[in-house]
Amino acid sequence: MLRFSAAFVMGFVLIVVEAMIVMKIKNYTSIYFGSIEQLVGVYMMNFFLVFVILTDIKRWIEKREEAKAQMEG
Protein backbone atom coordinates (compact mmCIF):
# COMPACT_ATOMS: atom_id res chain seq x y z
CA MET A 1 0.00 0.00 0.00
CA LEU A 2 2.89 2.32 0.72
CA ARG A 3 4.39 1.66 -2.72
CA PHE A 4 1.04 2.41 -4.35
CA SER A 5 0.64 5.68 -2.44
CA ALA A 6 4.19 6.79 -3.13
CA ALA A 7 3.83 5.94 -6.83
CA PHE A 8 0.53 7.84 -6.96
CA VAL A 9 2.14 11.02 -5.62
CA MET A 10 5.45 10.65 -7.45
CA GLY A 11 3.61 10.20 -10.77
CA PHE A 12 2.38 13.79 -10.49
CA VAL A 13 5.75 15.02 -9.29
CA LEU A 14 7.41 13.47 -12.34
CA ILE A 15 4.91 15.21 -14.65
CA VAL A 16 5.91 18.55 -13.14
CA VAL A 17 9.63 17.77 -13.38
CA GLU A 18 9.31 16.57 -16.98
CA ALA A 19 7.31 19.68 -17.90
CA MET A 20 9.92 21.95 -16.33
CA ILE A 21 12.71 20.21 -18.25
CA VAL A 22 10.87 20.61 -21.55
CA MET A 23 10.06 24.23 -20.77
CA LYS A 24 13.74 25.02 -20.05
CA ILE A 25 15.09 23.17 -23.09
CA LYS A 26 12.57 24.58 -25.58
CA ASN A 27 12.22 27.99 -23.88
CA TYR A 28 8.43 27.59 -23.45
CA THR A 29 6.33 29.40 -20.85
CA SER A 30 3.77 26.61 -20.46
CA ILE A 31 2.99 23.06 -21.56
CA TYR A 32 -0.25 22.08 -23.29
CA PHE A 33 -1.13 18.38 -23.13
CA GLY A 34 -3.91 18.61 -25.69
CA SER A 35 -6.48 16.48 -23.91
CA ILE A 36 -7.12 14.76 -20.62
CA GLU A 37 -6.33 11.41 -22.26
CA GLN A 38 -2.77 12.51 -23.00
CA LEU A 39 -2.29 13.78 -19.46
CA VAL A 40 -3.65 10.52 -18.01
CA GLY A 41 -1.41 8.52 -20.34
CA VAL A 42 1.69 10.39 -19.22
CA TYR A 43 0.63 10.05 -15.58
CA MET A 44 0.06 6.30 -15.89
CA MET A 45 3.48 5.77 -17.47
CA ASN A 46 5.09 7.70 -14.62
CA PHE A 47 3.01 5.85 -12.02
CA PHE A 48 4.04 2.42 -13.30
CA LEU A 49 7.67 3.51 -13.64
CA VAL A 50 7.80 4.60 -9.99
CA PHE A 51 5.85 1.53 -8.83
CA VAL A 52 8.25 -0.84 -10.59
CA ILE A 53 11.29 0.96 -9.19
CA LEU A 54 9.86 0.84 -5.65
CA THR A 55 9.03 -2.85 -6.06
CA ASP A 56 12.58 -3.56 -7.17
CA ILE A 57 13.96 -1.66 -4.16
CA LYS A 58 11.65 -3.59 -1.82
CA ARG A 59 12.79 -6.94 -3.20
CA TRP A 60 16.45 -5.87 -3.02
CA ILE A 61 16.04 -4.95 0.66
CA GLU A 62 14.27 -8.24 1.40
CA LYS A 63 17.04 -10.25 -0.28
CA ARG A 64 19.72 -8.31 1.59
CA GLU A 65 18.00 -8.94 4.94
CA GLU A 66 17.56 -12.61 4.07
CA ALA A 67 21.24 -12.97 3.19
CA LYS A 68 22.23 -11.20 6.39
CA ALA A 69 20.02 -13.55 8.43
CA GLN A 70 21.56 -16.61 6.75
CA MET A 71 25.08 -15.40 7.50
CA GLU A 72 24.24 -14.85 11.17
CA GLY A 73 22.41 -18.12 11.72
PDB file of N, CA and C in Angstrom:
ATOM      1  N   MET A   1       0.818  -1.193   0.000  1.00  0.00           N
ATOM      2  CA  MET A   1       0.000   0.000   0.000  1.00  0.00           C
ATOM      3  C   MET A   1       0.864   1.260   0.000  1.00  0.00           C
ATOM      4  N   LEU A   2       1.990   1.188   0.693  1.00  0.00           N
ATOM      5  CA  LEU A   2       2.893   2.325   0.722  1.00  0.00           C
ATOM      6  C   LEU A   2       3.492   2.578  -0.664  1.00  0.00           C
ATOM      7  N   ARG A   3       3.845   1.498  -1.367  1.00  0.00           N
ATOM      8  CA  ARG A   3       4.390   1.656  -2.719  1.00  0.00           C
ATOM      9  C   ARG A   3       3.364   2.294  -3.642  1.00  0.00           C
ATOM     10  N   PHE A   4       2.105   1.861  -3.518  1.00  0.00           N
ATOM     11  CA  PHE A   4       1.037   2.413  -4.352  1.00  0.00           C
ATOM     12  C   PHE A   4       0.858   3.904  -4.081  1.00  0.00           C
ATOM     13  N   SER A   5       0.827   4.266  -2.816  1.00  0.00           N
ATOM     14  CA  SER A   5       0.639   5.675  -2.443  1.00  0.00           C
ATOM     15  C   SER A   5       1.802   6.540  -2.909  1.00  0.00           C
ATOM     16  N   ALA A   6       3.013   6.038  -2.700  1.00  0.00           N
ATOM     17  CA  ALA A   6       4.188   6.794  -3.132  1.00  0.00           C
ATOM     18  C   ALA A   6       4.213   6.934  -4.653  1.00  0.00           C
ATOM     19  N   ALA A   7       3.858   5.876  -5.364  1.00  0.00           N
ATOM     20  CA  ALA A   7       3.829   5.939  -6.829  1.00  0.00           C
ATOM     21  C   ALA A   7       2.740   6.899  -7.313  1.00  0.00           C
ATOM     22  N   PHE A   8       1.622   6.936  -6.602  1.00  0.00           N
ATOM     23  CA  PHE A   8       0.528   7.839  -6.960  1.00  0.00           C
ATOM     24  C   PHE A   8       0.991   9.293  -6.879  1.00  0.00           C
ATOM     25  N   VAL A   9       1.676   9.642  -5.801  1.00  0.00           N
ATOM     26  CA  VAL A   9       2.141  11.017  -5.618  1.00  0.00           C
ATOM     27  C   VAL A   9       3.305  11.324  -6.549  1.00  0.00           C
ATOM     28  N   MET A  10       4.270  10.411  -6.633  1.00  0.00           N
ATOM     29  CA  MET A  10       5.452  10.653  -7.453  1.00  0.00           C
ATOM     30  C   MET A  10       5.134  10.712  -8.944  1.00  0.00           C
ATOM     31  N   GLY A  11       4.035  10.089  -9.370  1.00  0.00           N
ATOM     32  CA  GLY A  11       3.611  10.205 -10.765  1.00  0.00           C
ATOM     33  C   GLY A  11       3.327  11.651 -11.138  1.00  0.00           C
ATOM     34  N   PHE A  12       2.641  12.363 -10.244  1.00  0.00           N
ATOM     35  CA  PHE A  12       2.375  13.786 -10.487  1.00  0.00           C
ATOM     36  C   PHE A  12       3.639  14.622 -10.386  1.00  0.00           C
ATOM     37  N   VAL A  13       4.498  14.284  -9.434  1.00  0.00           N
ATOM     38  CA  VAL A  13       5.753  15.024  -9.289  1.00  0.00           C
ATOM     39  C   VAL A  13       6.593  14.884 -10.557  1.00  0.00           C
ATOM     40  N   LEU A  14       6.634  13.681 -11.111  1.00  0.00           N
ATOM     41  CA  LEU A  14       7.406  13.471 -12.343  1.00  0.00           C
ATOM     42  C   LEU A  14       6.829  14.260 -13.514  1.00  0.00           C
ATOM     43  N   ILE A  15       5.516  14.399 -13.579  1.00  0.00           N
ATOM     44  CA  ILE A  15       4.914  15.211 -14.648  1.00  0.00           C
ATOM     45  C   ILE A  15       5.407  16.644 -14.547  1.00  0.00           C
ATOM     46  N   VAL A  16       5.443  17.177 -13.342  1.00  0.00           N
ATOM     47  CA  VAL A  16       5.907  18.552 -13.143  1.00  0.00           C
ATOM     48  C   VAL A  16       7.378  18.679 -13.514  1.00  0.00           C
ATOM     49  N   VAL A  17       8.199  17.723 -13.070  1.00  0.00           N
ATOM     50  CA  VAL A  17       9.633  17.769 -13.382  1.00  0.00           C
ATOM     51  C   VAL A  17       9.862  17.657 -14.883  1.00  0.00           C
ATOM     52  N   GLU A  18       9.164  16.730 -15.531  1.00  0.00           N
ATOM     53  CA  GLU A  18       9.310  16.571 -16.979  1.00  0.00           C
ATOM     54  C   GLU A  18       8.872  17.834 -17.714  1.00  0.00           C
ATOM     55  N   ALA A  19       7.784  18.443 -17.264  1.00  0.00           N
ATOM     56  CA  ALA A  19       7.309  19.676 -17.904  1.00  0.00           C
ATOM     57  C   ALA A  19       8.320  20.803 -17.736  1.00  0.00           C
ATOM     58  N   MET A  20       8.913  20.904 -16.557  1.00  0.00           N
ATOM     59  CA  MET A  20       9.925  21.951 -16.325  1.00  0.00           C
ATOM     60  C   MET A  20      11.146  21.748 -17.220  1.00  0.00           C
ATOM     61  N   ILE A  21      11.562  20.496 -17.386  1.00  0.00           N
ATOM     62  CA  ILE A  21      12.712  20.211 -18.246  1.00  0.00           C
ATOM     63  C   ILE A  21      12.414  20.621 -19.683  1.00  0.00           C
ATOM     64  N   VAL A  22      11.240  20.250 -20.184  1.00  0.00           N
ATOM     65  CA  VAL A  22      10.866  20.608 -21.553  1.00  0.00           C
ATOM     66  C   VAL A  22      10.764  22.120 -21.704  1.00  0.00           C
ATOM     67  N   MET A  23      10.202  22.779 -20.702  1.00  0.00           N
ATOM     68  CA  MET A  23      10.062  24.235 -20.775  1.00  0.00           C
ATOM     69  C   MET A  23      11.426  24.923 -20.808  1.00  0.00           C
ATOM     70  N   LYS A  24      12.399  24.423 -20.040  1.00  0.00           N
ATOM     71  CA  LYS A  24      13.737  25.016 -20.046  1.00  0.00           C
ATOM     72  C   LYS A  24      14.457  24.763 -21.367  1.00  0.00           C
ATOM     73  N   ILE A  25      14.368  23.518 -21.865  1.00  0.00           N
ATOM     74  CA  ILE A  25      15.088  23.169 -23.091  1.00  0.00           C
ATOM     75  C   ILE A  25      14.531  23.928 -24.293  1.00  0.00           C
ATOM     76  N   LYS A  26      13.200  23.980 -24.414  1.00  0.00           N
ATOM     77  CA  LYS A  26      12.574  24.584 -25.584  1.00  0.00           C
ATOM     78  C   LYS A  26      12.194  26.048 -25.376  1.00  0.00           C
ATOM     79  N   ASN A  27      12.494  26.598 -24.199  1.00  0.00           N
ATOM     80  CA  ASN A  27      12.215  27.995 -23.876  1.00  0.00           C
ATOM     81  C   ASN A  27      10.718  28.309 -23.994  1.00  0.00           C
ATOM     82  N   TYR A  28       9.875  27.397 -23.486  1.00  0.00           N
ATOM     83  CA  TYR A  28       8.426  27.593 -23.451  1.00  0.00           C
ATOM     84  C   TYR A  28       8.034  28.249 -22.134  1.00  0.00           C
ATOM     85  N   THR A  29       6.852  28.828 -22.102  1.00  0.00           N
ATOM     86  CA  THR A  29       6.330  29.398 -20.854  1.00  0.00           C
ATOM     87  C   THR A  29       5.285  28.483 -20.232  1.00  0.00           C
ATOM     88  N   SER A  30       4.735  27.564 -21.003  1.00  0.00           N
ATOM     89  CA  SER A  30       3.773  26.610 -20.460  1.00  0.00           C
ATOM     90  C   SER A  30       3.757  25.360 -21.339  1.00  0.00           C
ATOM     91  N   ILE A  31       3.121  24.315 -20.828  1.00  0.00           N
ATOM     92  CA  ILE A  31       2.988  23.057 -21.555  1.00  0.00           C
ATOM     93  C   ILE A  31       1.503  22.793 -21.764  1.00  0.00           C
ATOM     94  N   TYR A  32       1.131  22.410 -22.973  1.00  0.00           N
ATOM     95  CA  TYR A  32      -0.252  22.083 -23.290  1.00  0.00           C
ATOM     96  C   TYR A  32      -0.304  20.603 -23.653  1.00  0.00           C
ATOM     97  N   PHE A  33      -1.059  19.816 -22.888  1.00  0.00           N
ATOM     98  CA  PHE A  33      -1.129  18.379 -23.126  1.00  0.00           C
ATOM     99  C   PHE A  33      -2.119  18.005 -24.215  1.00  0.00           C
ATOM    100  N   GLY A  34      -2.981  18.884 -24.599  1.00  0.00           N
ATOM    101  CA  GLY A  34      -3.908  18.606 -25.692  1.00  0.00           C
ATOM    102  C   GLY A  34      -5.245  18.088 -25.228  1.00  0.00           C
ATOM    103  N   SER A  35      -5.237  17.051 -24.414  1.00  0.00           N
ATOM    104  CA  SER A  35      -6.482  16.484 -23.906  1.00  0.00           C
ATOM    105  C   SER A  35      -6.203  15.770 -22.593  1.00  0.00           C
ATOM    106  N   ILE A  36      -7.258  15.456 -21.895  1.00  0.00           N
ATOM    107  CA  ILE A  36      -7.118  14.760 -20.617  1.00  0.00           C
ATOM    108  C   ILE A  36      -6.562  13.356 -20.821  1.00  0.00           C
ATOM    109  N   GLU A  37      -6.834  12.750 -21.984  1.00  0.00           N
ATOM    110  CA  GLU A  37      -6.327  11.411 -22.258  1.00  0.00           C
ATOM    111  C   GLU A  37      -4.800  11.402 -22.323  1.00  0.00           C
ATOM    112  N   GLN A  38      -4.225  12.431 -22.923  1.00  0.00           N
ATOM    113  CA  GLN A  38      -2.768  12.507 -23.001  1.00  0.00           C
ATOM    114  C   GLN A  38      -2.156  12.717 -21.619  1.00  0.00           C
ATOM    115  N   LEU A  39      -2.778  13.556 -20.808  1.00  0.00           N
ATOM    116  CA  LEU A  39      -2.290  13.780 -19.457  1.00  0.00           C
ATOM    117  C   LEU A  39      -2.378  12.500 -18.631  1.00  0.00           C
ATOM    118  N   VAL A  40      -3.485  11.781 -18.738  1.00  0.00           N
ATOM    119  CA  VAL A  40      -3.651  10.523 -18.010  1.00  0.00           C
ATOM    120  C   VAL A  40      -2.644   9.488 -18.507  1.00  0.00           C
ATOM    121  N   GLY A  41      -2.398   9.452 -19.793  1.00  0.00           N
ATOM    122  CA  GLY A  41      -1.412   8.518 -20.342  1.00  0.00           C
ATOM    123  C   GLY A  41      -0.019   8.779 -19.802  1.00  0.00           C
ATOM    124  N   VAL A  42       0.380  10.035 -19.759  1.00  0.00           N
ATOM    125  CA  VAL A  42       1.695  10.388 -19.219  1.00  0.00           C
ATOM    126  C   VAL A  42       1.752  10.055 -17.734  1.00  0.00           C
ATOM    127  N   TYR A  43       0.666  10.351 -17.010  1.00  0.00           N
ATOM    128  CA  TYR A  43       0.632  10.055 -15.584  1.00  0.00           C
ATOM    129  C   TYR A  43       0.742   8.549 -15.334  1.00  0.00           C
ATOM    130  N   MET A  44       0.028   7.753 -16.098  1.00  0.00           N
ATOM    131  CA  MET A  44       0.062   6.300 -15.892  1.00  0.00           C
ATOM    132  C   MET A  44       1.450   5.727 -16.178  1.00  0.00           C
ATOM    133  N   MET A  45       2.122   6.230 -17.198  1.00  0.00           N
ATOM    134  CA  MET A  45       3.483   5.769 -17.469  1.00  0.00           C
ATOM    135  C   MET A  45       4.401   6.099 -16.301  1.00  0.00           C
ATOM    136  N   ASN A  46       4.267   7.309 -15.769  1.00  0.00           N
ATOM    137  CA  ASN A  46       5.085   7.704 -14.622  1.00  0.00           C
ATOM    138  C   ASN A  46       4.741   6.879 -13.382  1.00  0.00           C
ATOM    139  N   PHE A  47       3.452   6.638 -13.172  1.00  0.00           N
ATOM    140  CA  PHE A  47       3.010   5.846 -12.025  1.00  0.00           C
ATOM    141  C   PHE A  47       3.619   4.458 -12.070  1.00  0.00           C
ATOM    142  N   PHE A  48       3.516   3.782 -13.204  1.00  0.00           N
ATOM    143  CA  PHE A  48       4.040   2.425 -13.305  1.00  0.00           C
ATOM    144  C   PHE A  48       5.570   2.402 -13.226  1.00  0.00           C
ATOM    145  N   LEU A  49       6.222   3.423 -13.748  1.00  0.00           N
ATOM    146  CA  LEU A  49       7.673   3.506 -13.638  1.00  0.00           C
ATOM    147  C   LEU A  49       8.089   3.577 -12.171  1.00  0.00           C
ATOM    148  N   VAL A  50       7.465   4.462 -11.411  1.00  0.00           N
ATOM    149  CA  VAL A  50       7.800   4.599  -9.987  1.00  0.00           C
ATOM    150  C   VAL A  50       7.434   3.331  -9.232  1.00  0.00           C
ATOM    151  N   PHE A  51       6.282   2.740  -9.523  1.00  0.00           N
ATOM    152  CA  PHE A  51       5.851   1.534  -8.830  1.00  0.00           C
ATOM    153  C   PHE A  51       6.828   0.387  -9.057  1.00  0.00           C
ATOM    154  N   VAL A  52       7.292   0.225 -10.278  1.00  0.00           N
ATOM    155  CA  VAL A  52       8.245  -0.842 -10.592  1.00  0.00           C
ATOM    156  C   VAL A  52       9.575  -0.591  -9.890  1.00  0.00           C
ATOM    157  N   ILE A  53      10.032   0.642  -9.869  1.00  0.00           N
ATOM    158  CA  ILE A  53      11.290   0.965  -9.188  1.00  0.00           C
ATOM    159  C   ILE A  53      11.166   0.687  -7.692  1.00  0.00           C
ATOM    160  N   LEU A  54      10.053   1.092  -7.085  1.00  0.00           N
ATOM    161  CA  LEU A  54       9.856   0.842  -5.654  1.00  0.00           C
ATOM    162  C   LEU A  54       9.738  -0.649  -5.351  1.00  0.00           C
ATOM    163  N   THR A  55       9.113  -1.402  -6.242  1.00  0.00           N
ATOM    164  CA  THR A  55       9.026  -2.850  -6.056  1.00  0.00           C
ATOM    165  C   THR A  55      10.409  -3.485  -6.122  1.00  0.00           C
ATOM    166  N   ASP A  56      11.225  -3.036  -7.049  1.00  0.00           N
ATOM    167  CA  ASP A  56      12.584  -3.557  -7.171  1.00  0.00           C
ATOM    168  C   ASP A  56      13.394  -3.238  -5.918  1.00  0.00           C
ATOM    169  N   ILE A  57      13.254  -2.037  -5.387  1.00  0.00           N
ATOM    170  CA  ILE A  57      13.961  -1.659  -4.158  1.00  0.00           C
ATOM    171  C   ILE A  57      13.491  -2.514  -2.991  1.00  0.00           C
ATOM    172  N   LYS A  58      12.185  -2.753  -2.902  1.00  0.00           N
ATOM    173  CA  LYS A  58      11.646  -3.589  -1.818  1.00  0.00           C
ATOM    174  C   LYS A  58      12.223  -4.996  -1.877  1.00  0.00           C
ATOM    175  N   ARG A  59      12.251  -5.584  -3.056  1.00  0.00           N
ATOM    176  CA  ARG A  59      12.791  -6.939  -3.203  1.00  0.00           C
ATOM    177  C   ARG A  59      14.284  -6.986  -2.905  1.00  0.00           C
ATOM    178  N   TRP A  60      15.019  -5.935  -3.295  1.00  0.00           N
ATOM    179  CA  TRP A  60      16.447  -5.865  -3.022  1.00  0.00           C
ATOM    180  C   TRP A  60      16.696  -5.832  -1.514  1.00  0.00           C
ATOM    181  N   ILE A  61      15.904  -5.036  -0.787  1.00  0.00           N
ATOM    182  CA  ILE A  61      16.042  -4.948   0.663  1.00  0.00           C
ATOM    183  C   ILE A  61      15.703  -6.286   1.314  1.00  0.00           C
ATOM    184  N   GLU A  62      14.643  -6.935   0.841  1.00  0.00           N
ATOM    185  CA  GLU A  62      14.267  -8.236   1.401  1.00  0.00           C
ATOM    186  C   GLU A  62      15.361  -9.276   1.179  1.00  0.00           C
ATOM    187  N   LYS A  63      15.964  -9.300  -0.008  1.00  0.00           N
ATOM    188  CA  LYS A  63      17.039 -10.250  -0.283  1.00  0.00           C
ATOM    189  C   LYS A  63      18.261  -9.967   0.578  1.00  0.00           C
ATOM    190  N   ARG A  64      18.568  -8.691   0.773  1.00  0.00           N
ATOM    191  CA  ARG A  64      19.716  -8.311   1.592  1.00  0.00           C
ATOM    192  C   ARG A  64      19.509  -8.736   3.041  1.00  0.00           C
ATOM    193  N   GLU A  65      18.305  -8.524   3.566  1.00  0.00           N
ATOM    194  CA  GLU A  65      18.005  -8.938   4.935  1.00  0.00           C
ATOM    195  C   GLU A  65      18.035 -10.461   5.071  1.00  0.00           C
ATOM    196  N   GLU A  66      17.540 -11.149   4.050  1.00  0.00           N
ATOM    197  CA  GLU A  66      17.561 -12.611   4.067  1.00  0.00           C
ATOM    198  C   GLU A  66      18.985 -13.136   4.058  1.00  0.00           C
ATOM    199  N   ALA A  67      19.834 -12.545   3.238  1.00  0.00           N
ATOM    200  CA  ALA A  67      21.236 -12.974   3.186  1.00  0.00           C
ATOM    201  C   ALA A  67      21.942 -12.670   4.500  1.00  0.00           C
ATOM    202  N   LYS A  68      21.633 -11.549   5.105  1.00  0.00           N
ATOM    203  CA  LYS A  68      22.227 -11.200   6.389  1.00  0.00           C
ATOM    204  C   LYS A  68      21.804 -12.179   7.481  1.00  0.00           C
ATOM    205  N   ALA A  69      20.529 -12.588   7.456  1.00  0.00           N
ATOM    206  CA  ALA A  69      20.016 -13.551   8.435  1.00  0.00           C
ATOM    207  C   ALA A  69      20.664 -14.918   8.250  1.00  0.00           C
ATOM    208  N   GLN A  70      20.920 -15.321   7.009  1.00  0.00           N
ATOM    209  CA  GLN A  70      21.559 -16.609   6.750  1.00  0.00           C
ATOM    210  C   GLN A  70      23.007 -16.605   7.215  1.00  0.00           C
ATOM    211  N   MET A  71      23.681 -15.487   7.070  1.00  0.00           N
ATOM    212  CA  MET A  71      25.078 -15.403   7.504  1.00  0.00           C
ATOM    213  C   MET A  71      25.188 -15.432   9.019  1.00  0.00           C
ATOM    214  N   GLU A  72      24.200 -14.877   9.713  1.00  0.00           N
ATOM    215  CA  GLU A  72      24.244 -14.851  11.172  1.00  0.00           C
ATOM    216  C   GLU A  72      23.847 -16.202  11.767  1.00  0.00           C
ATOM    217  N   GLY A  73      22.925 -16.891  11.110  1.00  0.00           N
ATOM    218  CA  GLY A  73      22.405 -18.117  11.719  1.00  0.00           C
ATOM    219  C   GLY A  73      22.813 -19.348  11.069  1.00  0.00           C
TER     220      GLY A  73
END
